[in-house]
Protein backbone atom coordinates (compact mmCIF):
# COMPACT_ATOMS: atom_id res chain seq x y z
CA MET A 1 -2.76 14.82 1.52
CA LYS A 2 -4.38 11.98 3.47
CA LEU A 3 -2.58 8.78 3.04
CA ALA A 4 -3.39 5.11 3.57
CA VAL A 5 -0.48 2.84 4.43
CA ILE A 6 -1.66 -0.44 3.94
CA VAL A 7 -0.09 -3.44 5.62
CA GLY A 8 -0.58 -6.18 2.72
CA SER A 9 0.32 -9.14 5.02
CA THR A 10 -1.69 -10.93 8.02
CA ARG A 11 0.75 -13.63 8.41
CA GLN A 12 2.41 -14.28 12.23
CA ASN A 13 5.52 -12.80 13.03
CA ARG A 14 5.39 -10.61 9.79
CA VAL A 15 7.57 -7.82 9.21
CA THR A 16 5.33 -6.17 6.85
CA LEU A 17 3.74 -4.33 9.67
CA LYS A 18 8.00 -3.05 10.91
CA GLU A 19 8.07 -1.76 7.25
CA ALA A 20 4.31 0.19 7.16
CA LYS A 21 5.52 1.94 10.50
CA TRP A 22 8.41 2.82 8.80
CA VAL A 23 6.50 4.52 5.82
CA VAL A 24 4.06 5.73 8.15
CA LYS A 25 6.94 7.54 9.96
CA THR A 26 8.94 8.84 6.94
CA ALA A 27 5.72 10.32 5.46
CA GLN A 28 4.81 12.01 8.62
CA GLU A 29 8.00 14.14 8.19
CA ILE A 30 7.15 15.69 4.92
CA ASP A 31 4.93 18.76 5.23
CA GLY A 32 1.08 18.36 4.04
CA VAL A 33 1.32 14.84 4.33
CA GLU A 34 -1.26 13.18 7.12
CA ALA A 35 -0.39 9.31 7.14
CA THR A 36 -2.42 6.50 8.92
CA LEU A 37 -1.78 2.88 8.93
CA VAL A 38 -4.50 0.28 7.55
CA ASP A 39 -4.13 -3.26 8.71
CA LEU A 40 -5.44 -5.91 6.86
CA MET A 41 -5.31 -7.79 9.92
CA ASP A 42 -8.13 -5.17 11.31
CA TYR A 43 -10.42 -6.30 8.04
CA PRO A 44 -10.64 -10.01 7.90
CA LEU A 45 -12.74 -10.76 4.85
CA PRO A 46 -14.39 -13.75 3.33
CA PHE A 47 -12.72 -15.41 -0.13
CA PHE A 48 -13.80 -12.97 -2.63
CA ASP A 49 -17.18 -15.22 -4.49
CA GLU A 50 -19.26 -12.28 -5.62
CA PRO A 51 -20.96 -13.49 -8.77
CA ALA A 52 -19.22 -10.98 -11.24
CA SER A 53 -16.87 -8.18 -11.03
CA PRO A 54 -17.65 -5.66 -8.27
CA ARG A 55 -17.12 -2.72 -10.96
CA TYR A 56 -19.81 -4.73 -13.43
CA ASN A 57 -22.47 -5.73 -10.89
CA PRO A 58 -25.25 -2.57 -10.33
CA ASP A 59 -27.04 -5.22 -7.81
CA ARG A 60 -23.90 -6.01 -5.68
CA LYS A 61 -24.89 -6.77 -2.09
CA ILE A 62 -21.92 -6.16 -0.03
CA ASP A 63 -21.17 -7.79 3.20
CA ALA A 64 -20.76 -6.00 6.15
CA ASP A 65 -17.26 -6.94 6.92
CA VAL A 66 -16.48 -6.10 3.34
CA LYS A 67 -18.27 -2.66 3.51
CA LYS A 68 -15.89 -1.98 7.07
CA TRP A 69 -12.99 -2.52 4.43
CA LEU A 70 -14.50 -0.30 1.33
CA ASP A 71 -15.41 2.66 4.16
CA ALA A 72 -11.93 2.53 5.14
CA ILE A 73 -9.77 2.87 2.49
CA GLU A 74 -12.55 5.10 0.58
CA PRO A 75 -11.73 8.40 1.89
CA TYR A 76 -8.17 8.85 1.25
CA ASP A 77 -6.27 10.40 -0.94
CA ALA A 78 -3.18 8.73 -1.98
CA TYR A 79 -2.05 5.11 -0.95
CA VAL A 80 0.97 3.06 -0.31
CA PHE A 81 0.79 -0.94 -0.40
CA VAL A 82 3.41 -2.41 2.17
CA THR A 83 3.87 -5.73 0.54
CA PRO A 84 5.81 -8.85 1.32
CA GLU A 85 6.95 -11.49 -1.49
CA TYR A 86 5.26 -14.98 -1.06
CA ASN A 87 6.35 -17.08 -4.15
CA HIS A 88 7.22 -14.40 -6.20
CA SER A 89 4.08 -12.68 -5.82
CA ILE A 90 2.04 -10.74 -3.24
CA ALA A 91 0.14 -12.48 0.22
CA GLY A 92 -3.26 -13.88 -1.22
CA VAL A 93 -4.70 -11.81 1.63
CA LEU A 94 -4.08 -8.54 -0.28
CA LYS A 95 -5.01 -9.63 -3.54
CA ASN A 96 -8.12 -10.73 -2.13
CA ALA A 97 -8.62 -7.04 -0.39
CA ILE A 98 -8.19 -5.89 -3.70
CA ASP A 99 -10.63 -7.65 -5.69
CA TYR A 100 -13.33 -6.11 -3.49
CA ILE A 101 -12.25 -2.66 -4.69
CA THR A 102 -14.79 -0.84 -6.89
CA SER A 103 -14.35 3.02 -7.00
CA GLU A 104 -12.30 3.63 -4.04
CA LEU A 105 -8.93 4.07 -5.87
CA ASN A 106 -10.31 5.45 -8.85
CA ARG A 107 -8.13 8.28 -10.02
CA LYS A 108 -6.01 8.25 -6.94
CA PRO A 109 -2.39 7.65 -6.98
CA SER A 110 -0.92 4.48 -5.20
CA ALA A 111 2.73 3.76 -4.60
CA VAL A 112 4.45 -0.19 -3.76
CA VAL A 113 6.68 -0.67 -0.94
CA SER A 114 7.99 -4.19 -0.88
CA HIS A 115 10.43 -6.46 0.80
CA GLY A 116 11.41 -10.41 0.45
CA SER A 117 13.91 -11.69 -1.58
CA MET A 118 15.25 -9.42 -3.94
CA GLY A 119 13.40 -7.14 -1.70
CA GLY A 120 9.99 -8.06 -3.22
CA ALA A 121 10.80 -6.74 -6.49
CA ARG A 122 8.68 -9.30 -8.17
CA ALA A 123 5.79 -8.79 -5.45
CA ALA A 124 5.95 -5.21 -6.35
CA MET A 125 5.73 -5.64 -10.24
CA HIS A 126 2.75 -7.82 -9.96
CA LEU A 127 0.95 -5.31 -7.40
CA LYS A 128 1.29 -2.23 -9.66
CA GLU A 129 -0.40 -4.51 -12.22
CA ILE A 130 -2.87 -5.50 -10.32
CA LEU A 131 -3.54 -2.14 -8.87
CA SER A 132 -3.86 -0.35 -12.48
CA GLU A 133 -7.12 -2.63 -12.86
CA SER A 134 -8.43 -0.92 -10.01
CA ARG A 135 -8.30 2.26 -11.92
CA SER A 136 -5.49 3.89 -9.42
CA VAL A 137 -3.00 6.20 -11.15
CA VAL A 138 0.22 3.55 -10.11
CA ILE A 139 3.71 5.58 -9.64
CA PRO A 140 6.43 3.61 -11.82
CA GLN A 141 8.98 4.12 -8.82
CA ALA A 142 8.69 1.31 -5.82
CA VAL A 143 10.87 0.92 -2.99
CA PRO A 144 12.11 -2.52 -2.85
CA PHE A 145 13.13 -3.46 0.74
CA LEU A 146 16.33 -6.07 1.35
CA GLY A 147 16.82 -6.92 4.79
CA VAL A 148 14.19 -5.65 6.74
CA HIS A 149 14.93 -7.91 9.58
CA GLU A 150 17.71 -5.86 10.86
CA GLY A 151 17.06 -2.85 8.98
CA ILE A 152 14.29 -1.63 10.91
CA ASP A 153 13.02 -2.07 14.74
CA GLU A 154 9.81 -2.92 15.75
CA ASP A 155 8.12 0.76 16.01
CA GLY A 156 9.27 1.30 12.40
CA ASN A 157 12.88 3.19 12.77
CA LEU A 158 15.49 2.94 10.71
CA ALA A 159 18.48 1.30 11.84
CA GLU A 160 21.73 3.58 12.02
CA ALA A 161 23.95 1.39 10.06
CA MET A 162 21.10 1.55 7.10
CA LYS A 163 20.86 5.40 7.53
CA ALA A 164 25.24 5.32 6.69
CA ASN A 165 24.71 3.84 3.30
CA PRO A 166 23.97 6.42 0.52
CA HIS A 167 21.81 3.74 -1.27
CA HIS A 168 19.85 2.63 1.89
CA PRO A 169 15.94 2.49 1.34
CA GLY A 170 14.95 5.62 2.97
CA ASN A 171 16.56 8.05 0.18
CA HIS A 172 14.23 6.09 -1.95
CA LEU A 173 11.08 5.98 0.18
CA VAL A 174 11.70 10.25 0.44
CA GLY A 175 11.63 10.29 -3.31
CA LEU A 176 8.61 7.71 -3.74
CA LEU A 177 6.37 9.86 -1.13
CA GLU A 178 7.52 13.08 -2.59
CA GLU A 179 6.09 11.88 -6.00
CA LEU A 180 3.25 10.62 -4.66
CA LYS A 181 2.31 14.04 -3.34
CA TRP A 182 2.81 15.39 -6.42
CA TYR A 183 0.54 13.05 -8.20
CA SER A 184 -1.95 13.31 -5.38
CA ASP A 185 -2.15 17.06 -5.19
CA ALA A 186 -2.60 17.08 -9.04
CA LEU A 187 -5.27 14.36 -9.34
CA SER A 188 -7.32 16.11 -6.35
CA ALA A 189 -7.13 19.29 -8.08
CA ALA A 190 -8.69 17.53 -11.34
CA ARG A 191 -11.42 15.40 -9.59
CA ASN A 192 -12.57 18.51 -7.83
CA LYS A 193 -13.19 20.15 -11.17
């Protein structure tokens, strides 16, 4: 499974990057998973202003920066969107990036890992709804992480204190990634028929 782990924030001093690095490290420990970090910081996009929904616009003219973003995410088999919770929802930059998507996520699985107050659970809920409109197969399970600041270092390593807790998010992340791989394998086989 070729997995894109998408950093859903471009904010200064963001902890979302640390959490995304943790997801990549964890995913790389699973057999058959090739994980890549895809950082929205590397894809500055104009605010979405196309005259119609990309999905329903046969005459769509794609901006060069938008094409770079779409080309970057299209080749993956599965996606983990790592999102902060801002004002009870996702960051505007992530919503804007998703608004440009047409068929890139179609019939491919995606999952959500979040952080913020309540572990970012409200942002995760909103993001799942948004991703379903992109025709992605959204995994019901999510991994909300409360305490990312102290729980993960700059290189994406989980703190030892977290590991000592049997309910730490790391245990849930492995399960989510294994579930995502199962869906990816099944959907990839179906798409190849």
